[in-house]
PDB file of N, CA and C in Angstrom:
ATOM      1  N   MET A   1      97.006  71.672 122.058  1.00  0.00           N
ATOM      2  CA  MET A   1      96.805  71.268 120.688  1.00  0.00           C
ATOM      3  C   MET A   1      97.446  69.909 120.455  1.00  0.00           C
ATOM      4  N   TRP A   2      96.757  69.078 119.695  1.00  0.00           N
ATOM      5  CA  TRP A   2      97.200  67.695 119.543  1.00  0.00           C
ATOM      6  C   TRP A   2      98.556  67.570 118.876  1.00  0.00           C
ATOM      7  N   PHE A   3      98.986  68.539 118.087  1.00  0.00           N
ATOM      8  CA  PHE A   3     100.273  68.375 117.428  1.00  0.00           C
ATOM      9  C   PHE A   3     101.424  68.690 118.363  1.00  0.00           C
ATOM     10  N   ASN A   4     101.169  69.314 119.495  1.00  0.00           N
ATOM     11  CA  ASN A   4     102.226  69.612 120.457  1.00  0.00           C
ATOM     12  C   ASN A   4     102.387  68.501 121.481  1.00  0.00           C
ATOM     13  N   ALA A   5     101.295  67.956 121.920  1.00  0.00           N
ATOM     14  CA  ALA A   5     101.350  66.908 122.940  1.00  0.00           C
ATOM     15  C   ALA A   5     100.359  65.812 122.577  1.00  0.00           C
ATOM     16  N   GLY A   6     100.853  64.615 122.481  1.00  0.00           N
ATOM     17  CA  GLY A   6      99.967  63.503 122.231  1.00  0.00           C
ATOM     18  C   GLY A   6      99.656  63.222 120.772  1.00  0.00           C
ATOM     19  N   TRP A   7     100.320  63.885 119.850  1.00  0.00           N
ATOM     20  CA  TRP A   7     100.024  63.649 118.426  1.00  0.00           C
ATOM     21  C   TRP A   7     100.608  62.346 117.929  1.00  0.00           C
ATOM     22  N   GLN A   8     101.719  61.890 118.495  1.00  0.00           N
ATOM     23  CA  GLN A   8     102.381  60.697 117.969  1.00  0.00           C
ATOM     24  C   GLN A   8     101.505  59.442 118.027  1.00  0.00           C
ATOM     25  N   PRO A   9     100.860  59.127 119.131  1.00  0.00           N
ATOM     26  CA  PRO A   9     100.000  57.934 119.141  1.00  0.00           C
ATOM     27  C   PRO A   9      98.850  58.054 118.139  1.00  0.00           C
ATOM     28  N   TRP A  10      98.291  59.245 118.019  1.00  0.00           N
ATOM     29  CA  TRP A  10      97.196  59.465 117.085  1.00  0.00           C
ATOM     30  C   TRP A  10      97.673  59.244 115.653  1.00  0.00           C
ATOM     31  N   MET A  11      98.799  59.824 115.305  1.00  0.00           N
ATOM     32  CA  MET A  11      99.331  59.688 113.949  1.00  0.00           C
ATOM     33  C   MET A  11      99.718  58.240 113.673  1.00  0.00           C
ATOM     34  N   HIS A  12     100.300  57.572 114.634  1.00  0.00           N
ATOM     35  CA  HIS A  12     100.692  56.175 114.470  1.00  0.00           C
ATOM     36  C   HIS A  12      99.465  55.306 114.162  1.00  0.00           C
ATOM     37  N   ARG A  13      98.376  55.531 114.894  1.00  0.00           N
ATOM     38  CA  ARG A  13      97.140  54.773 114.651  1.00  0.00           C
ATOM     39  C   ARG A  13      96.569  55.082 113.275  1.00  0.00           C
ATOM     40  N   LEU A  14      96.617  56.334 112.891  1.00  0.00           N
ATOM     41  CA  LEU A  14      96.090  56.724 111.583  1.00  0.00           C
ATOM     42  C   LEU A  14      96.888  56.077 110.456  1.00  0.00           C
ATOM     43  N   VAL A  15      98.195  56.129 110.533  1.00  0.00           N
ATOM     44  CA  VAL A  15      99.046  55.512 109.517  1.00  0.00           C
ATOM     45  C   VAL A  15      98.783  54.012 109.481  1.00  0.00           C
ATOM     46  N   GLY A  16      98.596  53.409 110.633  1.00  0.00           N
ATOM     47  CA  GLY A  16      98.349  51.975 110.728  1.00  0.00           C
ATOM     48  C   GLY A  16      97.053  51.520 110.072  1.00  0.00           C
ATOM     49  N   THR A  17      96.133  52.433 109.858  1.00  0.00           N
ATOM     50  CA  THR A  17      94.877  52.059 109.205  1.00  0.00           C
ATOM     51  C   THR A  17      95.041  51.875 107.704  1.00  0.00           C
ATOM     52  N   GLY A  18      96.145  52.362 107.160  1.00  0.00           N
ATOM     53  CA  GLY A  18      96.340  52.309 105.715  1.00  0.00           C
ATOM     54  C   GLY A  18      95.629  53.431 104.984  1.00  0.00           C
ATOM     55  N   ALA A  19      95.159  54.424 105.716  1.00  0.00           N
ATOM     56  CA  ALA A  19      94.455  55.548 105.102  1.00  0.00           C
ATOM     57  C   ALA A  19      95.353  56.248 104.087  1.00  0.00           C
ATOM     58  N   LYS A  20      94.738  56.704 103.014  1.00  0.00           N
ATOM     59  CA  LYS A  20      95.461  57.437 101.977  1.00  0.00           C
ATOM     60  C   LYS A  20      95.178  58.933 102.040  1.00  0.00           C
ATOM     61  N   GLU A  21      94.040  59.301 102.649  1.00  0.00           N
ATOM     62  CA  GLU A  21      93.657  60.704 102.794  1.00  0.00           C
ATOM     63  C   GLU A  21      93.067  60.927 104.174  1.00  0.00           C
ATOM     64  N   VAL A  22      93.190  62.167 104.629  1.00  0.00           N
ATOM     65  CA  VAL A  22      92.550  62.563 105.875  1.00  0.00           C
ATOM     66  C   VAL A  22      91.915  63.933 105.644  1.00  0.00           C
ATOM     67  N   SER A  23      90.696  64.101 106.124  1.00  0.00           N
ATOM     68  CA  SER A  23      89.989  65.375 106.004  1.00  0.00           C
ATOM     69  C   SER A  23      90.290  66.227 107.224  1.00  0.00           C
ATOM     70  N   LEU A  24      90.718  67.451 106.975  1.00  0.00           N
ATOM     71  CA  LEU A  24      91.038  68.371 108.061  1.00  0.00           C
ATOM     72  C   LEU A  24      90.237  69.653 107.882  1.00  0.00           C
ATOM     73  N   GLU A  25      89.591  70.077 108.927  1.00  0.00           N
ATOM     74  CA  GLU A  25      88.821  71.320 108.888  1.00  0.00           C
ATOM     75  C   GLU A  25      89.737  72.499 109.200  1.00  0.00           C
ATOM     76  N   VAL A  26      89.627  73.531 108.397  1.00  0.00           N
ATOM     77  CA  VAL A  26      90.362  74.775 108.629  1.00  0.00           C
ATOM     78  C   VAL A  26      89.333  75.859 108.923  1.00  0.00           C
ATOM     79  N   ASP A  27      89.359  76.353 110.128  1.00  0.00           N
ATOM     80  CA  ASP A  27      88.434  77.398 110.550  1.00  0.00           C
ATOM     81  C   ASP A  27      89.008  78.737 110.090  1.00  0.00           C
ATOM     82  N   TRP A  28      88.426  79.296 109.010  1.00  0.00           N
ATOM     83  CA  TRP A  28      88.980  80.519 108.424  1.00  0.00           C
ATOM     84  C   TRP A  28      88.938  81.692 109.403  1.00  0.00           C
ATOM     85  N   ALA A  29      88.025  81.675 110.337  1.00  0.00           N
ATOM     86  CA  ALA A  29      87.952  82.743 111.334  1.00  0.00           C
ATOM     87  C   ALA A  29      89.222  82.803 112.185  1.00  0.00           C
ATOM     88  N   HIS A  30      89.937  81.684 112.315  1.00  0.00           N
ATOM     89  CA  HIS A  30      91.201  81.689 113.064  1.00  0.00           C
ATOM     90  C   HIS A  30      92.372  82.097 112.180  1.00  0.00           C
ATOM     91  N   VAL A  31      92.260  81.840 110.897  1.00  0.00           N
ATOM     92  CA  VAL A  31      93.334  82.201 109.963  1.00  0.00           C
ATOM     93  C   VAL A  31      93.341  83.702 109.712  1.00  0.00           C
ATOM     94  N   GLU A  32      92.169  84.289 109.568  1.00  0.00           N
ATOM     95  CA  GLU A  32      92.056  85.724 109.268  1.00  0.00           C
ATOM     96  C   GLU A  32      90.998  86.348 110.176  1.00  0.00           C
ATOM     97  N   PRO A  33      91.327  86.526 111.456  1.00  0.00           N
ATOM     98  CA  PRO A  33      90.321  87.011 112.399  1.00  0.00           C
ATOM     99  C   PRO A  33      89.933  88.476 112.215  1.00  0.00           C
ATOM    100  N   ASN A  34      90.807  89.259 111.608  1.00  0.00           N
ATOM    101  CA  ASN A  34      90.543  90.691 111.464  1.00  0.00           C
ATOM    102  C   ASN A  34      90.346  91.070 110.008  1.00  0.00           C
ATOM    103  N   ALA A  35      89.443  91.998 109.769  1.00  0.00           N
ATOM    104  CA  ALA A  35      89.171  92.455 108.416  1.00  0.00           C
ATOM    105  C   ALA A  35      90.402  93.165 107.852  1.00  0.00           C
ATOM    106  N   PRO A  36      90.732  92.899 106.587  1.00  0.00           N
ATOM    107  CA  PRO A  36      91.865  93.586 105.984  1.00  0.00           C
ATOM    108  C   PRO A  36      91.532  95.056 105.742  1.00  0.00           C
ATOM    109  N   ALA A  37      92.540  95.894 105.880  1.00  0.00           N
ATOM    110  CA  ALA A  37      92.359  97.315 105.586  1.00  0.00           C
ATOM    111  C   ALA A  37      92.159  97.475 104.089  1.00  0.00           C
ATOM    112  N   SER A  38      91.485  98.510 103.720  1.00  0.00           N
ATOM    113  CA  SER A  38      91.258  98.785 102.310  1.00  0.00           C
ATOM    114  C   SER A  38      92.595  98.864 101.579  1.00  0.00           C
ATOM    115  N   GLY A  39      92.725  98.123 100.492  1.00  0.00           N
ATOM    116  CA  GLY A  39      93.963  98.136  99.713  1.00  0.00           C
ATOM    117  C   GLY A  39      95.056  97.246 100.267  1.00  0.00           C
ATOM    118  N   ALA A  40      94.758  96.496 101.343  1.00  0.00           N
ATOM    119  CA  ALA A  40      95.770  95.607 101.933  1.00  0.00           C
ATOM    120  C   ALA A  40      96.098  94.483 100.955  1.00  0.00           C
ATOM    121  N   GLY A  41      97.329  94.031 100.974  1.00  0.00           N
ATOM    122  CA  GLY A  41      97.778  92.968 100.081  1.00  0.00           C
ATOM    123  C   GLY A  41      97.314  91.610 100.545  1.00  0.00           C
ATOM    124  N   SER A  42      96.039  91.328 100.401  1.00  0.00           N
ATOM    125  CA  SER A  42      95.492  90.072 100.899  1.00  0.00           C
ATOM    126  C   SER A  42      95.582  88.927  99.898  1.00  0.00           C
ATOM    127  N   ALA A  43      96.130  89.159  98.720  1.00  0.00           N
ATOM    128  CA  ALA A  43      96.221  88.099  97.712  1.00  0.00           C
ATOM    129  C   ALA A  43      97.346  87.110  98.004  1.00  0.00           C
ATOM    130  N   SER A  44      98.308  87.503  98.798  1.00  0.00           N
ATOM    131  CA  SER A  44      99.456  86.641  99.080  1.00  0.00           C
ATOM    132  C   SER A  44      99.265  85.879 100.390  1.00  0.00           C
ATOM    133  N   PRO A  45      99.498  84.558 100.376  1.00  0.00           N
ATOM    134  CA  PRO A  45      99.411  83.801 101.629  1.00  0.00           C
ATOM    135  C   PRO A  45     100.456  84.233 102.658  1.00  0.00           C
ATOM    136  N   ALA A  46     101.494  84.938 102.206  1.00  0.00           N
ATOM    137  CA  ALA A  46     102.523  85.423 103.123  1.00  0.00           C
ATOM    138  C   ALA A  46     102.118  86.724 103.813  1.00  0.00           C
ATOM    139  N   SER A  47     100.969  87.252 103.453  1.00  0.00           N
ATOM    140  CA  SER A  47     100.498  88.505 104.042  1.00  0.00           C
ATOM    141  C   SER A  47     100.370  88.357 105.556  1.00  0.00           C
ATOM    142  N   PRO A  48     100.750  89.394 106.309  1.00  0.00           N
ATOM    143  CA  PRO A  48     100.596  89.331 107.771  1.00  0.00           C
ATOM    144  C   PRO A  48      99.132  89.311 108.217  1.00  0.00           C
ATOM    145  N   LEU A  49      98.216  89.451 107.285  1.00  0.00           N
ATOM    146  CA  LEU A  49      96.793  89.367 107.625  1.00  0.00           C
ATOM    147  C   LEU A  49      96.405  87.952 108.038  1.00  0.00           C
ATOM    148  N   TYR A  50      97.172  86.971 107.563  1.00  0.00           N
ATOM    149  CA  TYR A  50      96.839  85.567 107.779  1.00  0.00           C
ATOM    150  C   TYR A  50      97.768  84.923 108.796  1.00  0.00           C
ATOM    151  N   ASP A  51      97.205  84.001 109.552  1.00  0.00           N
ATOM    152  CA  ASP A  51      98.009  83.217 110.490  1.00  0.00           C
ATOM    153  C   ASP A  51      97.821  81.739 110.162  1.00  0.00           C
ATOM    154  N   PHE A  52      98.778  81.186 109.418  1.00  0.00           N
ATOM    155  CA  PHE A  52      98.728  79.782 109.017  1.00  0.00           C
ATOM    156  C   PHE A  52      99.567  78.887 109.934  1.00  0.00           C
ATOM    157  N   THR A  53     100.001  79.393 111.070  1.00  0.00           N
ATOM    158  CA  THR A  53     100.889  78.647 111.962  1.00  0.00           C
ATOM    159  C   THR A  53     100.312  77.286 112.338  1.00  0.00           C
ATOM    160  N   TYR A  54      99.080  77.256 112.788  1.00  0.00           N
ATOM    161  CA  TYR A  54      98.467  75.996 113.220  1.00  0.00           C
ATOM    162  C   TYR A  54      98.378  75.024 112.048  1.00  0.00           C
ATOM    163  N   ILE A  55      97.881  75.503 110.923  1.00  0.00           N
ATOM    164  CA  ILE A  55      97.717  74.643 109.750  1.00  0.00           C
ATOM    165  C   ILE A  55      99.074  74.114 109.286  1.00  0.00           C
ATOM    166  N   ASP A  56     100.077  74.984 109.222  1.00  0.00           N
ATOM    167  CA  ASP A  56     101.414  74.551 108.817  1.00  0.00           C
ATOM    168  C   ASP A  56     101.936  73.442 109.725  1.00  0.00           C
ATOM    169  N   ASN A  57     101.747  73.608 111.023  1.00  0.00           N
ATOM    170  CA  ASN A  57     102.228  72.597 111.980  1.00  0.00           C
ATOM    171  C   ASN A  57     101.520  71.258 111.798  1.00  0.00           C
ATOM    172  N   VAL A  58     100.228  71.300 111.557  1.00  0.00           N
ATOM    173  CA  VAL A  58      99.481  70.064 111.341  1.00  0.00           C
ATOM    174  C   VAL A  58      99.944  69.384 110.055  1.00  0.00           C
ATOM    175  N   LEU A  59     100.056  70.149 108.977  1.00  0.00           N
ATOM    176  CA  LEU A  59     100.457  69.570 107.696  1.00  0.00           C
ATOM    177  C   LEU A  59     101.861  68.982 107.740  1.00  0.00           C
ATOM    178  N   LYS A  60     102.752  69.579 108.500  1.00  0.00           N
ATOM    179  CA  LYS A  60     104.119  69.039 108.635  1.00  0.00           C
ATOM    180  C   LYS A  60     104.109  67.627 109.215  1.00  0.00           C
ATOM    181  N   ARG A  61     103.132  67.328 110.062  1.00  0.00           N
ATOM    182  CA  ARG A  61     103.045  66.000 110.683  1.00  0.00           C
ATOM    183  C   ARG A  61     102.723  64.913 109.669  1.00  0.00           C
ATOM    184  N   PHE A  62     102.131  65.297 108.538  1.00  0.00           N
ATOM    185  CA  PHE A  62     101.751  64.309 107.531  1.00  0.00           C
ATOM    186  C   PHE A  62     102.852  64.042 106.507  1.00  0.00           C
ATOM    187  N   ARG A  63     103.898  64.845 106.511  1.00  0.00           N
ATOM    188  CA  ARG A  63     104.997  64.612 105.567  1.00  0.00           C
ATOM    189  C   ARG A  63     105.585  63.229 105.775  1.00  0.00           C
ATOM    190  N   GLY A  64     105.746  62.527 104.680  1.00  0.00           N
ATOM    191  CA  GLY A  64     106.380  61.218 104.740  1.00  0.00           C
ATOM    192  C   GLY A  64     105.495  60.091 105.256  1.00  0.00           C
ATOM    193  N   THR A  65     104.231  60.374 105.529  1.00  0.00           N
ATOM    194  CA  THR A  65     103.339  59.323 106.038  1.00  0.00           C
ATOM    195  C   THR A  65     102.608  58.591 104.923  1.00  0.00           C
ATOM    196  N   GLY A  66     102.574  59.183 103.726  1.00  0.00           N
ATOM    197  CA  GLY A  66     101.802  58.601 102.639  1.00  0.00           C
ATOM    198  C   GLY A  66     100.331  58.976 102.700  1.00  0.00           C
ATOM    199  N   ILE A  67      99.974  59.814 103.656  1.00  0.00           N
ATOM    200  CA  ILE A  67      98.592  60.259 103.807  1.00  0.00           C
ATOM    201  C   ILE A  67      98.476  61.684 103.270  1.00  0.00           C
ATOM    202  N   ARG A  68      97.502  61.879 102.395  1.00  0.00           N
ATOM    203  CA  ARG A  68      97.305  63.199 101.794  1.00  0.00           C
ATOM    204  C   ARG A  68      96.245  63.959 102.579  1.00  0.00           C
ATOM    205  N   PRO A  69      96.612  65.090 103.188  1.00  0.00           N
ATOM    206  CA  PRO A  69      95.610  65.906 103.873  1.00  0.00           C
ATOM    207  C   PRO A  69      94.733  66.650 102.859  1.00  0.00           C
ATOM    208  N   VAL A  70      93.436  66.661 103.110  1.00  0.00           N
ATOM    209  CA  VAL A  70      92.480  67.407 102.311  1.00  0.00           C
ATOM    210  C   VAL A  70      91.870  68.450 103.239  1.00  0.00           C
ATOM    211  N   LEU A  71      92.014  69.713 102.884  1.00  0.00           N
ATOM    212  CA  LEU A  71      91.560  70.796 103.750  1.00  0.00           C
ATOM    213  C   LEU A  71      90.166  71.272 103.357  1.00  0.00           C
ATOM    214  N   PHE A  72      89.311  71.419 104.359  1.00  0.00           N
ATOM    215  CA  PHE A  72      87.972  71.964 104.176  1.00  0.00           C
ATOM    216  C   PHE A  72      87.920  73.297 104.911  1.00  0.00           C
ATOM    217  N   ILE A  73      87.694  74.360 104.170  1.00  0.00           N
ATOM    218  CA  ILE A  73      87.644  75.699 104.756  1.00  0.00           C
ATOM    219  C   ILE A  73      86.228  75.945 105.264  1.00  0.00           C
ATOM    220  N   THR A  74      86.122  76.291 106.538  1.00  0.00           N
ATOM    221  CA  THR A  74      84.814  76.521 107.157  1.00  0.00           C
ATOM    222  C   THR A  74      84.836  77.800 107.975  1.00  0.00           C
ATOM    223  N   ASP A  75      83.691  78.203 108.433  1.00  0.00           N
ATOM    224  CA  ASP A  75      83.513  79.282 109.406  1.00  0.00           C
ATOM    225  C   ASP A  75      84.187  80.595 109.004  1.00  0.00           C
ATOM    226  N   ALA A  76      83.496  81.358 108.187  1.00  0.00           N
ATOM    227  CA  ALA A  76      83.991  82.685 107.830  1.00  0.00           C
ATOM    228  C   ALA A  76      84.056  83.551 109.076  1.00  0.00           C
ATOM    229  N   PRO A  77      85.033  84.448 109.142  1.00  0.00           N
ATOM    230  CA  PRO A  77      85.094  85.354 110.287  1.00  0.00           C
ATOM    231  C   PRO A  77      83.859  86.272 110.289  1.00  0.00           C
ATOM    232  N   ARG A  78      83.507  86.744 111.463  1.00  0.00           N
ATOM    233  CA  ARG A  78      82.307  87.598 111.590  1.00  0.00           C
ATOM    234  C   ARG A  78      82.375  88.800 110.656  1.00  0.00           C
ATOM    235  N   TRP A  79      83.539  89.390 110.499  1.00  0.00           N
ATOM    236  CA  TRP A  79      83.659  90.585 109.664  1.00  0.00           C
ATOM    237  C   TRP A  79      83.338  90.293 108.201  1.00  0.00           C
ATOM    238  N   ALA A  80      83.447  89.025 107.775  1.00  0.00           N
ATOM    239  CA  ALA A  80      83.214  88.665 106.372  1.00  0.00           C
ATOM    240  C   ALA A  80      81.793  88.175 106.110  1.00  0.00           C
ATOM    241  N   GLN A  81      80.985  88.101 107.146  1.00  0.00           N
ATOM    242  CA  GLN A  81      79.624  87.597 106.999  1.00  0.00           C
ATOM    243  C   GLN A  81      78.650  88.754 106.818  1.00  0.00           C
ATOM    244  N   GLY A  82      77.688  88.528 105.960  1.00  0.00           N
ATOM    245  CA  GLY A  82      76.641  89.538 105.778  1.00  0.00           C
ATOM    246  C   GLY A  82      75.627  89.470 106.904  1.00  0.00           C
ATOM    247  N   SER A  83      74.743  90.402 106.921  1.00  0.00           N
ATOM    248  CA  SER A  83      73.708  90.389 107.958  1.00  0.00           C
ATOM    249  C   SER A  83      72.761  89.229 107.705  1.00  0.00           C
ATOM    250  N   GLY A  84      72.366  88.579 108.773  1.00  0.00           N
ATOM    251  CA  GLY A  84      71.428  87.462 108.672  1.00  0.00           C
ATOM    252  C   GLY A  84      72.089  86.216 108.203  1.00  0.00           C
TER     253      GLY A  84
END
């Protein structure tokens, strides 16, 4: 993953462009890969149903850069998709 190895040159180049925003895709299928059980507390982002580790790590890299990350949620998990 780019935030573990090799992120510094990428971030340095991005900051150097003078960019004020960056678009980041969040694949919801990775955040919530399993269907919640009936009655599960899915309203809280702290719920163990969600894994925000990757997103949190990426967003931490933008702190203090002056660049505002804009998140685009994509790709619903298979369990959340209807037929067809």
